[in-house]
Protein backbone atom coordinates (compact mmCIF):
# COMPACT_ATOMS: atom_id res chain seq x y z
CA MET A 1 45.50 -47.15 -43.04
CA GLU A 2 44.45 -50.27 -44.91
CA ARG A 3 41.16 -51.71 -43.69
CA TYR A 4 41.53 -55.04 -41.94
CA GLU A 5 38.62 -57.42 -41.48
CA LYS A 6 38.50 -60.78 -39.82
CA VAL A 7 35.56 -63.09 -39.25
CA ILE A 8 35.68 -64.89 -35.91
CA GLU A 9 33.63 -67.83 -34.75
CA PRO A 10 32.35 -68.68 -31.26
CA VAL A 11 34.45 -71.01 -29.17
CA ALA A 12 31.56 -71.56 -26.74
CA PHE A 13 28.01 -70.62 -25.87
CA ILE A 14 26.49 -69.72 -22.53
CA ARG A 15 23.56 -71.39 -20.82
CA SER A 16 22.03 -68.83 -18.50
CA ASP A 17 18.73 -68.15 -16.74
CA PHE A 18 17.97 -65.16 -18.98
CA PRO A 19 15.92 -66.12 -22.07
CA GLU A 20 15.43 -62.46 -23.06
CA LYS A 21 17.31 -59.16 -22.74
CA PHE A 22 14.96 -57.49 -20.25
CA GLY A 23 16.10 -58.10 -16.68
CA ILE A 24 19.71 -59.01 -17.41
CA PRO A 25 22.10 -57.18 -15.04
CA ARG A 26 23.62 -54.12 -16.72
CA GLN A 27 27.12 -55.17 -15.68
CA SER A 28 28.76 -58.44 -14.76
CA GLY A 29 29.17 -59.35 -11.10
CA LEU A 30 26.08 -57.47 -9.86
CA ALA A 31 23.92 -60.54 -9.28
CA ARG A 32 24.71 -63.96 -7.86
CA THR A 33 23.33 -65.81 -10.86
CA GLN A 34 25.09 -68.89 -12.16
CA ALA A 35 25.51 -69.99 -15.75
CA GLU A 36 27.38 -72.62 -17.74
CA ILE A 37 29.82 -72.11 -20.60
CA VAL A 38 29.66 -75.01 -23.05
CA PHE A 39 32.35 -75.23 -25.71
CA ALA A 40 31.43 -75.42 -29.37
CA HIS A 41 32.31 -78.23 -31.74
CA GLY A 42 35.98 -78.05 -32.57
CA PHE A 43 36.88 -76.28 -29.33
CA GLU A 44 35.79 -78.93 -26.81
CA ASN A 45 39.28 -80.34 -26.22
CA PRO A 46 39.81 -80.66 -22.44
CA GLU A 47 43.46 -79.67 -22.91
CA ALA A 48 42.33 -76.15 -23.83
CA VAL A 49 41.19 -75.45 -20.23
CA ARG A 50 44.10 -77.14 -18.46
CA GLY A 51 45.12 -74.94 -15.50
CA LEU A 52 42.06 -72.69 -15.72
CA GLU A 53 40.72 -74.12 -12.45
CA ASP A 54 43.54 -72.35 -10.60
CA PHE A 55 41.99 -68.93 -11.33
CA SER A 56 39.13 -67.34 -9.35
CA TYR A 57 37.83 -65.13 -12.16
CA ILE A 58 37.86 -65.20 -15.94
CA TRP A 59 37.23 -62.73 -18.75
CA LEU A 60 34.60 -63.51 -21.36
CA ILE A 61 34.68 -61.86 -24.78
CA TRP A 62 31.28 -62.33 -26.36
CA GLY A 63 28.83 -61.03 -28.94
CA PHE A 64 25.65 -58.98 -28.57
CA SER A 65 23.91 -61.50 -30.80
CA ALA A 66 20.35 -60.33 -30.01
CA ASN A 67 20.93 -56.72 -31.07
CA GLU A 68 20.06 -55.35 -34.47
CA ASN A 69 22.97 -53.94 -36.51
CA CYS A 70 25.51 -56.10 -34.69
CA SER A 71 28.24 -57.72 -36.70
CA GLY A 72 27.28 -60.99 -38.31
CA SER A 73 29.10 -64.13 -39.31
CA THR A 74 30.17 -63.12 -42.81
CA ALA A 75 32.56 -60.48 -44.07
CA ALA A 76 29.71 -58.64 -45.80
CA GLU A 77 27.69 -58.54 -42.57
CA VAL A 78 30.71 -57.26 -40.65
CA LYS A 79 31.21 -54.49 -43.22
CA ASN A 80 27.53 -53.50 -43.19
CA ALA A 81 27.43 -53.41 -39.39
CA SER A 82 30.47 -51.15 -39.19
CA VAL A 83 28.83 -48.68 -41.57
CA ALA A 84 25.66 -48.49 -39.44
CA TRP A 85 27.32 -47.72 -36.10
CA LYS A 86 26.64 -44.48 -34.19
CA ALA A 87 29.32 -42.34 -32.57
CA THR A 88 27.29 -41.49 -29.42
CA VAL A 89 24.96 -43.40 -27.11
CA ARG A 90 22.74 -42.68 -24.10
CA PRO A 91 23.98 -44.69 -21.08
CA PRO A 92 21.22 -45.77 -18.65
CA ARG A 93 23.49 -44.64 -15.80
CA LEU A 94 22.99 -41.06 -17.00
CA GLY A 95 19.21 -41.40 -17.16
CA GLY A 96 19.10 -42.20 -20.85
CA ASN A 97 19.09 -38.51 -21.82
CA THR A 98 22.80 -37.59 -21.95
CA ARG A 99 24.98 -38.66 -24.84
CA VAL A 100 28.57 -39.84 -24.55
CA GLY A 101 30.91 -41.37 -27.09
CA VAL A 102 30.28 -45.03 -27.80
CA PHE A 103 33.88 -45.80 -26.84
CA ALA A 104 33.33 -44.04 -23.49
CA SER A 105 30.49 -46.43 -22.69
CA ARG A 106 29.63 -50.09 -22.45
CA SER A 107 26.60 -49.77 -24.67
CA PRO A 108 25.68 -52.97 -26.54
CA PHE A 109 25.28 -50.95 -29.75
CA ARG A 110 28.88 -50.86 -30.91
CA PRO A 111 30.71 -51.07 -34.24
CA ASN A 112 31.66 -54.70 -33.69
CA GLY A 113 29.00 -55.74 -31.17
CA LEU A 114 31.49 -57.24 -28.72
CA GLY A 115 30.99 -57.47 -24.96
CA LEU A 116 33.50 -58.01 -22.15
CA SER A 117 32.60 -59.51 -18.78
CA SER A 118 34.55 -60.51 -15.70
CA VAL A 119 32.87 -63.46 -13.96
CA ARG A 120 33.72 -65.69 -11.01
CA LEU A 121 34.80 -69.18 -12.00
CA VAL A 122 32.90 -71.59 -9.77
CA ARG A 123 34.23 -74.84 -11.23
CA VAL A 124 35.63 -76.56 -14.30
CA GLU A 125 34.13 -79.91 -15.26
CA ILE A 126 35.07 -82.35 -18.00
CA ARG A 127 31.85 -83.93 -19.23
CA GLU A 128 31.11 -86.40 -22.00
CA ASN A 129 30.88 -83.65 -24.62
CA GLY A 130 33.86 -81.65 -23.38
CA PRO A 131 34.66 -79.00 -20.75
CA VAL A 132 31.91 -77.01 -19.04
CA LEU A 133 32.68 -73.89 -16.99
CA THR A 134 30.24 -72.89 -14.25
CA VAL A 135 30.45 -69.16 -13.61
CA GLU A 136 28.75 -66.63 -11.34
CA GLY A 137 27.78 -63.06 -12.15
CA ALA A 138 27.46 -63.32 -15.93
CA ASP A 139 25.38 -60.63 -17.65
CA LEU A 140 24.68 -62.68 -20.77
CA MET A 141 21.46 -63.87 -22.35
CA ASP A 142 21.01 -67.60 -22.82
CA GLY A 143 22.69 -68.79 -26.00
CA THR A 144 25.09 -65.85 -26.29
CA PRO A 145 28.17 -66.73 -28.37
CA ILE A 146 31.51 -66.48 -26.58
CA TYR A 147 34.53 -65.70 -28.73
CA ASP A 148 37.28 -66.06 -26.15
CA VAL A 149 37.95 -67.00 -22.52
CA LYS A 150 40.92 -65.55 -20.66
CA PRO A 151 42.04 -65.79 -17.01
CA TYR A 152 41.61 -62.72 -14.82
CA ILE A 153 45.04 -61.81 -13.42
CA PRO A 154 44.77 -59.64 -10.26
CA TYR A 155 48.19 -57.95 -10.39
CA ALA A 156 47.61 -56.77 -13.96
CA ASP A 157 43.82 -56.50 -14.28
CA ALA A 158 42.85 -54.87 -10.96
CA HIS A 159 43.19 -51.08 -10.71
CA PRO A 160 41.47 -49.93 -7.48
CA GLU A 161 42.81 -46.38 -7.91
CA ALA A 162 41.28 -45.99 -11.38
CA ASP A 163 38.93 -43.13 -12.30
CA GLY A 164 35.53 -44.44 -13.34
CA GLY A 165 34.52 -41.41 -15.42
CA PHE A 166 30.83 -40.56 -15.39
CA THR A 167 30.06 -43.76 -13.47
CA ASP A 168 31.83 -42.28 -10.44
CA ARG A 169 29.83 -39.07 -10.62
CA VAL A 170 26.41 -40.70 -10.71
CA PRO A 171 25.29 -42.34 -7.44
CA ARG A 172 24.71 -46.05 -7.76
CA ARG A 173 21.08 -46.60 -6.83
CA THR A 174 19.62 -49.89 -5.72
CA LEU A 175 16.06 -50.78 -4.82
CA THR A 176 14.70 -52.36 -1.67
CA VAL A 177 13.08 -55.63 -2.73
CA ASN A 178 9.88 -56.73 -1.05
CA CYS A 179 9.20 -60.31 -2.07
CA PRO A 180 6.69 -62.29 0.01
CA PRO A 181 8.25 -65.57 1.18
CA ASP A 182 5.42 -67.63 -0.30
CA LEU A 183 6.13 -66.19 -3.75
CA LEU A 184 9.89 -66.55 -3.46
CA ALA A 185 9.38 -70.20 -2.55
CA ASN A 186 7.93 -70.78 -6.03
CA ILE A 187 11.43 -70.91 -7.53
CA PRO A 188 14.30 -73.24 -6.57
CA ALA A 189 16.29 -72.16 -3.50
CA ALA A 190 19.52 -72.06 -5.52
CA LYS A 191 18.02 -69.40 -7.80
CA GLN A 192 16.52 -67.13 -5.14
CA ASN A 193 19.56 -65.00 -4.24
CA GLY A 194 20.25 -64.35 -7.89
CA LEU A 195 16.68 -63.17 -8.44
CA LEU A 196 16.78 -60.83 -5.45
CA ASP A 197 20.11 -59.40 -6.62
CA LEU A 198 18.94 -58.62 -10.14
CA LEU A 199 15.66 -57.10 -8.90
CA SER A 200 17.57 -54.81 -6.54
CA GLN A 201 19.51 -53.43 -9.53
CA ASP A 202 16.23 -52.04 -10.97
CA PRO A 203 15.73 -53.82 -14.31
CA ARG A 204 13.34 -51.12 -15.60
CA PRO A 205 14.36 -48.80 -18.44
CA SER A 206 15.71 -45.58 -16.94
CA TYR A 207 12.88 -43.49 -18.39
CA GLN A 208 10.02 -45.52 -16.86
CA HIS A 209 8.80 -44.49 -13.41
CA ASP A 210 5.09 -45.37 -13.36
CA PRO A 211 4.36 -46.75 -9.86
CA ASP A 212 1.21 -48.50 -11.11
CA ARG A 213 2.81 -50.29 -14.01
CA ILE A 214 3.32 -54.03 -13.62
CA TYR A 215 6.62 -55.15 -15.11
CA GLY A 216 7.56 -58.69 -15.96
CA LEU A 217 10.85 -60.48 -16.52
CA SER A 218 11.77 -64.05 -17.29
CA TYR A 219 14.29 -65.77 -15.07
CA ALA A 220 15.28 -69.43 -14.66
CA GLY A 221 12.08 -70.68 -16.29
CA TYR A 222 9.79 -68.42 -14.27
CA SER A 223 7.87 -65.23 -14.94
CA VAL A 224 8.34 -62.56 -12.26
CA LYS A 225 5.81 -59.72 -12.04
CA PHE A 226 6.63 -56.61 -9.99
CA THR A 227 5.90 -52.93 -9.39
CA VAL A 228 8.23 -50.14 -8.23
CA ALA A 229 7.28 -47.14 -6.09
CA ASP A 230 9.42 -44.90 -3.86
CA ASN A 231 12.54 -47.03 -4.45
CA ILE A 232 10.75 -50.16 -3.26
CA LEU A 233 10.28 -53.04 -5.68
CA THR A 234 7.37 -55.27 -4.75
CA VAL A 235 7.06 -58.70 -6.29
CA ARG A 236 3.44 -59.36 -7.25
CA ASP A 237 3.63 -62.85 -8.67
CA ILE A 238 6.06 -65.63 -9.61
CA PHE A 239 4.94 -68.57 -11.74
CA PRO A 240 6.43 -70.99 -14.29
CA LEU A 241 6.76 -69.62 -17.80
CA THR A 242 4.82 -72.61 -19.11
CA GLU A 243 1.67 -71.17 -17.49
CA GLN A 244 1.82 -68.24 -19.94
CA GLN A 245 1.45 -70.55 -22.93
């Protein structure tokens, strides 16, 4: 079959509370975090989102732009990335030790470096510089390029009887979060539920289980320090990221 290549450009970028990869939910919809989708120059026509407000959820097709070996913005970069891809990956859900095919996973290390997320559409606004979509449950780092937005259609997209493969066979584990109220009060009230949600999903790498290790993640302009022991995550400190400078 003749090789077909096409270079695509972002139609939008996301503004989220995740300035780095560590701590981002491993799947969309797991944490009540909100983000904004801002359309890029040339795609900011309000007519392009007409009727979108009638949908509860939308699909985002986006790029793993912070990963090495992901496809770039030129044909040569796309070709080089496709050569470097690996056929198997180690999903965190399987403890990071068992390999499955890359196409049987949602690993970010893929031939074309594309991600797919279903997020709740909170509102559609038309601002001075074009449409802005506020969404909930996005698992995207701040500044991630978005290549397409599509409405989620329940009768066609929802399959409650579907087999989830290895994800059905591995128990979904969440942590009990112990966050002292005085520390939680350090961040805005609107951001607190999102923080508790993402901490309960255990942001640690699957191979790290040191109960004395202090982990840190960046969220909504704050640094969050925590430890994990016996399935209990204890928040040790929360302070503005500017204090680290």
